[in-house]
Amino acid sequence: MTLSTRDLLPIGELAARSGIAASALRYYEDLGLIHAERTSGGRRRYRRSTLRRLAFIRAAQRIGLSLDEVGESLGRLPVDHVPSAAEWKGVATSWQCRIDQQIEELERLKAKLTGCVGCGCLSLTRCGLYNLDDAAGAAGPGARYLLGDKAPAPPGTDIPGD
């Protein structure tokens, strides 16, 4: 099927319509999340259906999916047409599981935070988030993390604390 120029959007128009910077669009293309046709002059042209894929990417990021996970999900959807209800159902089901996991994680975090005095220092002995066994107290008096000391990563995470 040959597409008319009316069916293909230049990168600037796609950026304007999607609200996503052209540099991000090029990055998404490099990752294989979206695909462009090339003109004889090498300019990118995107199918109108790319707007839906970009909306999909934004929605996935809002629920916390990484770009790798987004790529997995998009890999299960057609590139050349809008997904049917059946094609979308599998992806939606996997997202529901991910959202449920996030809700559980946030509930656990919420339960831990209700015991915090709210001062921001997180230097209490009972704080299980950043100051397990009051390690901050060994660095000296005061709100050590507010004074610039680096907080360790919370137990069970690989992300360094701030």
N, C-alpha and C. Protein backbone atom coordinates (compact mmCIF):
# COMPACT_ATOMS: atom_id res chain seq x y z
N MET A 1 0.84 -1.18 0.00
CA MET A 1 0.00 0.00 0.00
C MET A 1 0.88 1.24 0.00
N THR A 2 0.65 2.14 -0.92
CA THR A 2 1.41 3.39 -1.01
C THR A 2 0.69 4.45 -0.19
N LEU A 3 1.46 5.13 0.64
CA LEU A 3 0.89 6.19 1.47
C LEU A 3 1.04 7.52 0.76
N SER A 4 0.03 8.37 0.88
CA SER A 4 0.13 9.71 0.30
C SER A 4 0.88 10.60 1.29
N THR A 5 1.33 11.74 0.81
CA THR A 5 2.04 12.67 1.69
C THR A 5 1.11 13.16 2.81
N ARG A 6 -0.18 13.11 2.57
CA ARG A 6 -1.18 13.50 3.58
C ARG A 6 -1.19 12.53 4.76
N ASP A 7 -0.80 11.27 4.51
CA ASP A 7 -0.78 10.24 5.54
C ASP A 7 0.52 10.21 6.33
N LEU A 8 1.51 10.98 5.88
CA LEU A 8 2.82 10.99 6.52
C LEU A 8 3.11 12.36 7.13
N LEU A 9 3.60 12.37 8.34
CA LEU A 9 3.88 13.63 9.05
C LEU A 9 5.37 13.86 9.18
N PRO A 10 5.84 15.08 8.88
CA PRO A 10 7.24 15.39 9.14
C PRO A 10 7.48 15.44 10.65
N ILE A 11 8.72 15.31 11.06
CA ILE A 11 9.04 15.22 12.47
C ILE A 11 8.57 16.45 13.26
N GLY A 12 8.66 17.63 12.65
CA GLY A 12 8.22 18.85 13.35
C GLY A 12 6.72 18.83 13.64
N GLU A 13 5.95 18.38 12.67
CA GLU A 13 4.50 18.30 12.87
C GLU A 13 4.16 17.22 13.90
N LEU A 14 4.85 16.08 13.84
CA LEU A 14 4.62 15.02 14.81
C LEU A 14 4.96 15.51 16.22
N ALA A 15 6.06 16.25 16.34
CA ALA A 15 6.45 16.81 17.64
C ALA A 15 5.38 17.78 18.15
N ALA A 16 4.91 18.65 17.28
CA ALA A 16 3.89 19.63 17.69
C ALA A 16 2.59 18.94 18.09
N ARG A 17 2.16 17.98 17.30
CA ARG A 17 0.89 17.29 17.57
C ARG A 17 0.95 16.40 18.79
N SER A 18 2.11 15.80 19.06
CA SER A 18 2.23 14.86 20.18
C SER A 18 2.66 15.54 21.47
N GLY A 19 3.27 16.73 21.35
CA GLY A 19 3.80 17.40 22.54
C GLY A 19 5.12 16.81 23.00
N ILE A 20 5.76 16.06 22.13
CA ILE A 20 7.04 15.41 22.45
C ILE A 20 8.12 16.03 21.58
N ALA A 21 9.23 16.39 22.18
CA ALA A 21 10.32 17.05 21.46
C ALA A 21 10.84 16.17 20.32
N ALA A 22 11.27 16.83 19.24
CA ALA A 22 11.81 16.10 18.09
C ALA A 22 13.00 15.24 18.49
N SER A 23 13.81 15.72 19.42
CA SER A 23 14.96 14.92 19.87
C SER A 23 14.50 13.63 20.54
N ALA A 24 13.42 13.70 21.30
CA ALA A 24 12.87 12.49 21.93
C ALA A 24 12.31 11.55 20.87
N LEU A 25 11.69 12.10 19.83
CA LEU A 25 11.16 11.26 18.75
C LEU A 25 12.29 10.51 18.05
N ARG A 26 13.40 11.19 17.81
CA ARG A 26 14.54 10.53 17.19
C ARG A 26 15.09 9.44 18.11
N TYR A 27 15.11 9.72 19.41
CA TYR A 27 15.57 8.73 20.39
C TYR A 27 14.64 7.52 20.40
N TYR A 28 13.34 7.77 20.41
CA TYR A 28 12.37 6.66 20.37
C TYR A 28 12.54 5.83 19.10
N GLU A 29 12.86 6.51 18.02
CA GLU A 29 13.09 5.78 16.77
C GLU A 29 14.35 4.93 16.88
N ASP A 30 15.41 5.48 17.47
CA ASP A 30 16.64 4.71 17.67
C ASP A 30 16.38 3.46 18.52
N LEU A 31 15.47 3.57 19.48
CA LEU A 31 15.13 2.44 20.34
C LEU A 31 14.16 1.46 19.67
N GLY A 32 13.61 1.85 18.51
CA GLY A 32 12.67 0.99 17.81
C GLY A 32 11.23 1.11 18.32
N LEU A 33 10.96 2.14 19.11
CA LEU A 33 9.60 2.32 19.63
C LEU A 33 8.65 2.89 18.58
N ILE A 34 9.21 3.72 17.70
CA ILE A 34 8.45 4.26 16.57
C ILE A 34 9.28 4.07 15.31
N HIS A 35 8.63 4.20 14.18
CA HIS A 35 9.31 3.97 12.91
C HIS A 35 9.00 5.11 11.95
N ALA A 36 9.99 5.48 11.15
CA ALA A 36 9.82 6.54 10.17
C ALA A 36 10.11 6.01 8.78
N GLU A 37 9.42 6.58 7.82
CA GLU A 37 9.75 6.35 6.42
C GLU A 37 10.73 7.48 6.07
N ARG A 38 11.54 7.28 5.06
CA ARG A 38 12.48 8.33 4.64
C ARG A 38 12.14 8.81 3.25
N THR A 39 12.26 10.12 3.08
CA THR A 39 12.07 10.69 1.75
C THR A 39 13.35 10.45 0.96
N SER A 40 13.31 10.78 -0.32
CA SER A 40 14.51 10.62 -1.15
C SER A 40 15.65 11.49 -0.62
N GLY A 41 15.30 12.56 0.08
CA GLY A 41 16.31 13.45 0.67
C GLY A 41 16.71 13.03 2.07
N GLY A 42 16.19 11.89 2.55
CA GLY A 42 16.57 11.38 3.86
C GLY A 42 15.77 11.94 5.03
N ARG A 43 14.74 12.73 4.75
CA ARG A 43 13.95 13.31 5.84
C ARG A 43 12.97 12.27 6.38
N ARG A 44 12.75 12.36 7.68
CA ARG A 44 11.82 11.43 8.33
C ARG A 44 10.37 11.83 8.06
N ARG A 45 9.55 10.81 7.81
CA ARG A 45 8.11 10.99 7.70
C ARG A 45 7.46 9.85 8.49
N TYR A 46 6.52 10.23 9.35
CA TYR A 46 5.88 9.26 10.24
C TYR A 46 4.42 9.05 9.85
N ARG A 47 3.97 7.83 9.93
CA ARG A 47 2.56 7.54 9.70
C ARG A 47 1.73 8.22 10.79
N ARG A 48 0.52 8.59 10.44
CA ARG A 48 -0.37 9.21 11.43
C ARG A 48 -0.60 8.30 12.64
N SER A 49 -0.57 6.99 12.43
CA SER A 49 -0.77 6.06 13.53
C SER A 49 0.33 6.16 14.58
N THR A 50 1.44 6.81 14.24
CA THR A 50 2.52 7.03 15.21
C THR A 50 2.04 7.89 16.37
N LEU A 51 1.07 8.78 16.11
CA LEU A 51 0.52 9.59 17.19
C LEU A 51 -0.07 8.71 18.29
N ARG A 52 -0.73 7.63 17.90
CA ARG A 52 -1.29 6.70 18.89
C ARG A 52 -0.17 5.97 19.64
N ARG A 53 0.88 5.60 18.93
CA ARG A 53 2.00 4.92 19.59
C ARG A 53 2.65 5.87 20.60
N LEU A 54 2.75 7.13 20.26
CA LEU A 54 3.34 8.11 21.19
C LEU A 54 2.44 8.31 22.41
N ALA A 55 1.13 8.32 22.20
CA ALA A 55 0.20 8.42 23.34
C ALA A 55 0.37 7.19 24.23
N PHE A 56 0.55 6.04 23.61
CA PHE A 56 0.78 4.79 24.32
C PHE A 56 2.06 4.90 25.16
N ILE A 57 3.14 5.42 24.57
CA ILE A 57 4.41 5.56 25.28
C ILE A 57 4.24 6.47 26.48
N ARG A 58 3.56 7.59 26.30
CA ARG A 58 3.33 8.52 27.41
C ARG A 58 2.53 7.87 28.52
N ALA A 59 1.47 7.15 28.16
CA ALA A 59 0.64 6.48 29.16
C ALA A 59 1.46 5.45 29.92
N ALA A 60 2.27 4.69 29.20
CA ALA A 60 3.11 3.67 29.83
C ALA A 60 4.11 4.29 30.80
N GLN A 61 4.69 5.40 30.42
CA GLN A 61 5.64 6.07 31.29
C GLN A 61 4.95 6.63 32.54
N ARG A 62 3.73 7.10 32.37
CA ARG A 62 2.99 7.63 33.53
C ARG A 62 2.72 6.56 34.57
N ILE A 63 2.55 5.31 34.14
CA ILE A 63 2.33 4.27 35.13
C ILE A 63 3.64 3.64 35.59
N GLY A 64 4.76 4.16 35.09
CA GLY A 64 6.06 3.74 35.60
C GLY A 64 6.79 2.70 34.79
N LEU A 65 6.34 2.39 33.58
CA LEU A 65 7.05 1.42 32.76
C LEU A 65 8.34 2.04 32.24
N SER A 66 9.38 1.25 32.19
CA SER A 66 10.63 1.70 31.60
C SER A 66 10.47 1.68 30.08
N LEU A 67 11.39 2.31 29.37
CA LEU A 67 11.32 2.29 27.91
C LEU A 67 11.53 0.87 27.38
N ASP A 68 12.28 0.05 28.09
CA ASP A 68 12.42 -1.35 27.68
C ASP A 68 11.08 -2.07 27.77
N GLU A 69 10.34 -1.83 28.86
CA GLU A 69 9.02 -2.44 29.01
C GLU A 69 8.05 -1.91 27.96
N VAL A 70 8.16 -0.62 27.66
CA VAL A 70 7.33 -0.02 26.63
C VAL A 70 7.61 -0.72 25.30
N GLY A 71 8.89 -0.93 25.01
CA GLY A 71 9.27 -1.61 23.78
C GLY A 71 8.70 -3.02 23.70
N GLU A 72 8.72 -3.73 24.82
CA GLU A 72 8.13 -5.07 24.85
C GLU A 72 6.64 -5.01 24.52
N SER A 73 5.95 -4.07 25.16
CA SER A 73 4.51 -3.93 24.92
C SER A 73 4.23 -3.54 23.48
N LEU A 74 4.98 -2.57 22.96
CA LEU A 74 4.77 -2.13 21.58
C LEU A 74 5.09 -3.25 20.60
N GLY A 75 6.02 -4.10 20.96
CA GLY A 75 6.38 -5.22 20.10
C GLY A 75 5.23 -6.20 19.89
N ARG A 76 4.26 -6.15 20.80
CA ARG A 76 3.09 -7.02 20.69
C ARG A 76 1.95 -6.34 19.92
N LEU A 77 2.18 -5.11 19.50
CA LEU A 77 1.14 -4.36 18.77
C LEU A 77 1.58 -4.12 17.33
N PRO A 78 0.62 -3.96 16.41
CA PRO A 78 0.97 -3.73 15.00
C PRO A 78 1.61 -2.36 14.78
N VAL A 79 2.49 -2.29 13.82
CA VAL A 79 3.16 -1.04 13.47
C VAL A 79 2.36 -0.27 12.43
N ASP A 80 1.67 -1.00 11.55
CA ASP A 80 1.06 -0.38 10.38
C ASP A 80 -0.41 -0.03 10.53
N HIS A 81 -1.01 -0.30 11.67
CA HIS A 81 -2.41 0.09 11.87
C HIS A 81 -2.73 0.21 13.36
N VAL A 82 -3.84 0.83 13.64
CA VAL A 82 -4.29 1.00 15.02
C VAL A 82 -4.64 -0.39 15.57
N PRO A 83 -4.20 -0.69 16.81
CA PRO A 83 -4.48 -2.02 17.37
C PRO A 83 -5.97 -2.29 17.51
N SER A 84 -6.35 -3.54 17.27
CA SER A 84 -7.73 -3.96 17.49
C SER A 84 -7.93 -4.18 18.99
N ALA A 85 -9.17 -4.37 19.39
CA ALA A 85 -9.47 -4.63 20.80
C ALA A 85 -8.74 -5.89 21.28
N ALA A 86 -8.71 -6.90 20.46
CA ALA A 86 -8.04 -8.15 20.84
C ALA A 86 -6.53 -7.94 20.98
N GLU A 87 -5.93 -7.16 20.07
CA GLU A 87 -4.50 -6.89 20.14
C GLU A 87 -4.15 -6.07 21.37
N TRP A 88 -5.04 -5.17 21.74
CA TRP A 88 -4.80 -4.30 22.89
C TRP A 88 -5.00 -5.04 24.21
N LYS A 89 -5.89 -6.04 24.25
CA LYS A 89 -6.26 -6.69 25.51
C LYS A 89 -5.06 -7.29 26.25
N GLY A 90 -4.17 -7.96 25.54
CA GLY A 90 -3.00 -8.55 26.19
C GLY A 90 -2.11 -7.52 26.83
N VAL A 91 -1.91 -6.42 26.14
CA VAL A 91 -1.08 -5.34 26.67
C VAL A 91 -1.75 -4.72 27.90
N ALA A 92 -3.05 -4.47 27.79
CA ALA A 92 -3.78 -3.85 28.90
C ALA A 92 -3.74 -4.74 30.14
N THR A 93 -3.83 -6.02 29.96
CA THR A 93 -3.79 -6.95 31.09
C THR A 93 -2.44 -6.88 31.79
N SER A 94 -1.35 -6.83 31.01
CA SER A 94 -0.03 -6.75 31.63
C SER A 94 0.14 -5.42 32.37
N TRP A 95 -0.44 -4.35 31.85
CA TRP A 95 -0.37 -3.06 32.52
C TRP A 95 -1.13 -3.10 33.84
N GLN A 96 -2.27 -3.77 33.87
CA GLN A 96 -3.05 -3.85 35.09
C GLN A 96 -2.25 -4.53 36.19
N CYS A 97 -1.51 -5.58 35.84
CA CYS A 97 -0.66 -6.25 36.82
C CYS A 97 0.40 -5.29 37.34
N ARG A 98 1.01 -4.55 36.44
CA ARG A 98 2.05 -3.60 36.84
C ARG A 98 1.48 -2.51 37.75
N ILE A 99 0.31 -1.99 37.43
CA ILE A 99 -0.33 -0.96 38.27
C ILE A 99 -0.63 -1.53 39.65
N ASP A 100 -1.13 -2.76 39.72
CA ASP A 100 -1.41 -3.39 41.02
C ASP A 100 -0.13 -3.51 41.85
N GLN A 101 0.99 -3.87 41.21
CA GLN A 101 2.27 -3.96 41.93
C GLN A 101 2.68 -2.60 42.47
N GLN A 102 2.51 -1.56 41.66
CA GLN A 102 2.87 -0.21 42.11
C GLN A 102 2.01 0.23 43.28
N ILE A 103 0.72 -0.07 43.23
CA ILE A 103 -0.18 0.29 44.32
C ILE A 103 0.28 -0.39 45.61
N GLU A 104 0.64 -1.67 45.52
CA GLU A 104 1.13 -2.39 46.70
C GLU A 104 2.40 -1.74 47.25
N GLU A 105 3.33 -1.38 46.37
CA GLU A 105 4.56 -0.73 46.81
C GLU A 105 4.28 0.60 47.48
N LEU A 106 3.38 1.39 46.90
CA LEU A 106 3.04 2.69 47.47
C LEU A 106 2.33 2.53 48.82
N GLU A 107 1.50 1.52 48.95
CA GLU A 107 0.83 1.26 50.23
C GLU A 107 1.85 0.92 51.31
N ARG A 108 2.86 0.11 50.97
CA ARG A 108 3.91 -0.23 51.93
C ARG A 108 4.68 1.03 52.34
N LEU A 109 5.01 1.86 51.36
CA LEU A 109 5.72 3.10 51.65
C LEU A 109 4.87 4.01 52.53
N LYS A 110 3.60 4.13 52.21
CA LYS A 110 2.68 4.97 52.98
C LYS A 110 2.61 4.50 54.43
N ALA A 111 2.55 3.19 54.64
CA ALA A 111 2.48 2.65 55.99
C ALA A 111 3.74 3.00 56.78
N LYS A 112 4.90 2.96 56.13
CA LYS A 112 6.15 3.30 56.82
C LYS A 112 6.22 4.79 57.13
N LEU A 113 5.75 5.62 56.22
CA LEU A 113 5.85 7.07 56.40
C LEU A 113 4.94 7.60 57.49
N THR A 114 3.85 6.92 57.78
CA THR A 114 2.93 7.42 58.81
C THR A 114 3.60 7.43 60.17
N GLY A 115 4.66 6.66 60.37
CA GLY A 115 5.38 6.66 61.63
C GLY A 115 6.45 7.73 61.72
N CYS A 116 6.74 8.40 60.63
CA CYS A 116 7.79 9.42 60.59
C CYS A 116 7.29 10.72 61.22
N VAL A 117 8.16 11.44 61.95
CA VAL A 117 7.75 12.69 62.58
C VAL A 117 7.57 13.82 61.58
N GLY A 118 8.01 13.63 60.36
CA GLY A 118 7.79 14.61 59.32
C GLY A 118 8.80 15.73 59.25
N CYS A 119 9.89 15.63 60.00
CA CYS A 119 10.87 16.72 59.98
C CYS A 119 11.77 16.67 58.77
N GLY A 120 11.85 15.56 58.12
CA GLY A 120 12.67 15.46 56.92
C GLY A 120 14.05 14.92 57.14
N CYS A 121 14.49 14.83 58.40
CA CYS A 121 15.87 14.36 58.62
C CYS A 121 15.98 12.85 58.54
N LEU A 122 14.92 12.14 58.82
CA LEU A 122 14.92 10.68 58.80
C LEU A 122 16.08 10.09 59.60
N SER A 123 16.35 10.69 60.77
CA SER A 123 17.44 10.19 61.59
C SER A 123 16.96 9.46 62.83
N LEU A 124 15.68 9.13 62.90
CA LEU A 124 15.16 8.42 64.05
C LEU A 124 15.58 6.95 64.01
N THR A 125 15.80 6.38 65.15
CA THR A 125 16.20 4.98 65.23
C THR A 125 15.19 4.07 64.55
N ARG A 126 13.90 4.40 64.65
CA ARG A 126 12.88 3.50 64.13
C ARG A 126 12.62 3.68 62.63
N CYS A 127 13.27 4.61 61.96
CA CYS A 127 13.02 4.82 60.53
C CYS A 127 13.65 3.69 59.72
N GLY A 128 12.82 2.90 59.10
CA GLY A 128 13.29 1.78 58.30
C GLY A 128 13.51 2.13 56.85
N LEU A 129 13.29 3.40 56.47
CA LEU A 129 13.46 3.79 55.08
C LEU A 129 14.90 4.16 54.75
N TYR A 130 15.45 5.14 55.47
CA TYR A 130 16.79 5.63 55.13
C TYR A 130 17.79 5.50 56.27
N ASN A 131 17.31 5.25 57.47
CA ASN A 131 18.21 5.31 58.60
C ASN A 131 18.06 4.11 59.51
N LEU A 132 18.18 2.98 58.93
CA LEU A 132 18.07 1.73 59.68
C LEU A 132 19.11 1.73 60.79
N ASP A 133 18.70 1.43 62.01
CA ASP A 133 19.57 1.39 63.20
C ASP A 133 20.24 2.74 63.50
N ASP A 134 19.61 3.84 63.11
CA ASP A 134 20.09 5.20 63.37
C ASP A 134 21.54 5.42 62.94
N ALA A 135 21.89 4.95 61.76
CA ALA A 135 23.24 5.12 61.23
C ALA A 135 23.59 6.60 61.07
N ALA A 136 22.60 7.46 60.81
CA ALA A 136 22.88 8.89 60.62
C ALA A 136 23.39 9.53 61.91
N GLY A 137 22.96 9.02 63.06
CA GLY A 137 23.40 9.59 64.33
C GLY A 137 24.90 9.46 64.53
N ALA A 138 25.52 8.48 63.93
CA ALA A 138 26.97 8.29 64.07
C ALA A 138 27.75 9.40 63.38
N ALA A 139 27.12 10.11 62.43
CA ALA A 139 27.81 11.17 61.69
C ALA A 139 27.83 12.49 62.45
N GLY A 140 27.10 12.59 63.56
CA GLY A 140 27.09 13.82 64.34
C GLY A 140 25.68 14.29 64.64
N PRO A 141 25.58 15.43 65.36
CA PRO A 141 24.26 15.94 65.76
C PRO A 141 23.53 16.61 64.60
N GLY A 142 22.22 16.75 64.77
CA GLY A 142 21.40 17.48 63.81
C GLY A 142 20.84 16.60 62.72
N ALA A 143 20.11 17.23 61.85
CA ALA A 143 19.47 16.53 60.73
C ALA A 143 20.53 16.31 59.66
N ARG A 144 21.25 15.20 59.76
CA ARG A 144 22.43 14.94 58.93
C ARG A 144 22.14 15.01 57.45
N TYR A 145 21.03 14.47 57.00
CA TYR A 145 20.75 14.44 55.56
C TYR A 145 20.36 15.82 55.05
N LEU A 146 19.74 16.63 55.91
CA LEU A 146 19.46 18.01 55.51
C LEU A 146 20.71 18.86 55.51
N LEU A 147 21.71 18.46 56.30
CA LEU A 147 22.98 19.19 56.35
C LEU A 147 23.91 18.81 55.20
N GLY A 148 23.48 17.86 54.37
CA GLY A 148 24.28 17.52 53.20
C GLY A 148 24.91 16.14 53.23
N ASP A 149 24.81 15.42 54.34
CA ASP A 149 25.33 14.06 54.36
C ASP A 149 24.53 13.21 53.38
N LYS A 150 25.18 12.30 52.72
CA LYS A 150 24.52 11.43 51.74
C LYS A 150 23.82 10.29 52.46
N ALA A 151 22.53 10.13 52.18
CA ALA A 151 21.75 9.04 52.77
C ALA A 151 22.03 7.75 52.03
N PRO A 152 22.11 6.63 52.75
CA PRO A 152 22.29 5.34 52.07
C PRO A 152 21.02 4.95 51.34
N ALA A 153 21.13 4.00 50.44
CA ALA A 153 19.95 3.49 49.72
C ALA A 153 19.05 2.79 50.72
N PRO A 154 17.74 2.97 50.57
CA PRO A 154 16.81 2.24 51.44
C PRO A 154 17.00 0.74 51.27
N PRO A 155 16.79 -0.02 52.34
CA PRO A 155 16.94 -1.47 52.21
C PRO A 155 16.07 -2.03 51.10
N GLY A 156 16.64 -2.97 50.34
CA GLY A 156 15.88 -3.62 49.28
C GLY A 156 15.84 -2.87 47.95
N THR A 157 16.62 -1.78 47.83
CA THR A 157 16.65 -1.05 46.56
C THR A 157 18.08 -0.99 46.05
N ASP A 158 18.21 -0.70 44.77
CA ASP A 158 19.53 -0.54 44.17
C ASP A 158 19.81 0.93 43.87
N ILE A 159 18.88 1.81 44.23
CA ILE A 159 19.02 3.23 43.90
C ILE A 159 19.68 3.93 45.06
N PRO A 160 20.80 4.62 44.83
CA PRO A 160 21.47 5.33 45.91
C PRO A 160 20.57 6.44 46.44
N GLY A 161 20.64 6.70 47.73
CA GLY A 161 19.85 7.76 48.35
C GLY A 161 20.41 9.11 48.02
N ASP A 162 19.62 10.15 48.32
CA ASP A 162 20.05 11.53 48.05
C ASP A 162 20.65 12.15 49.28
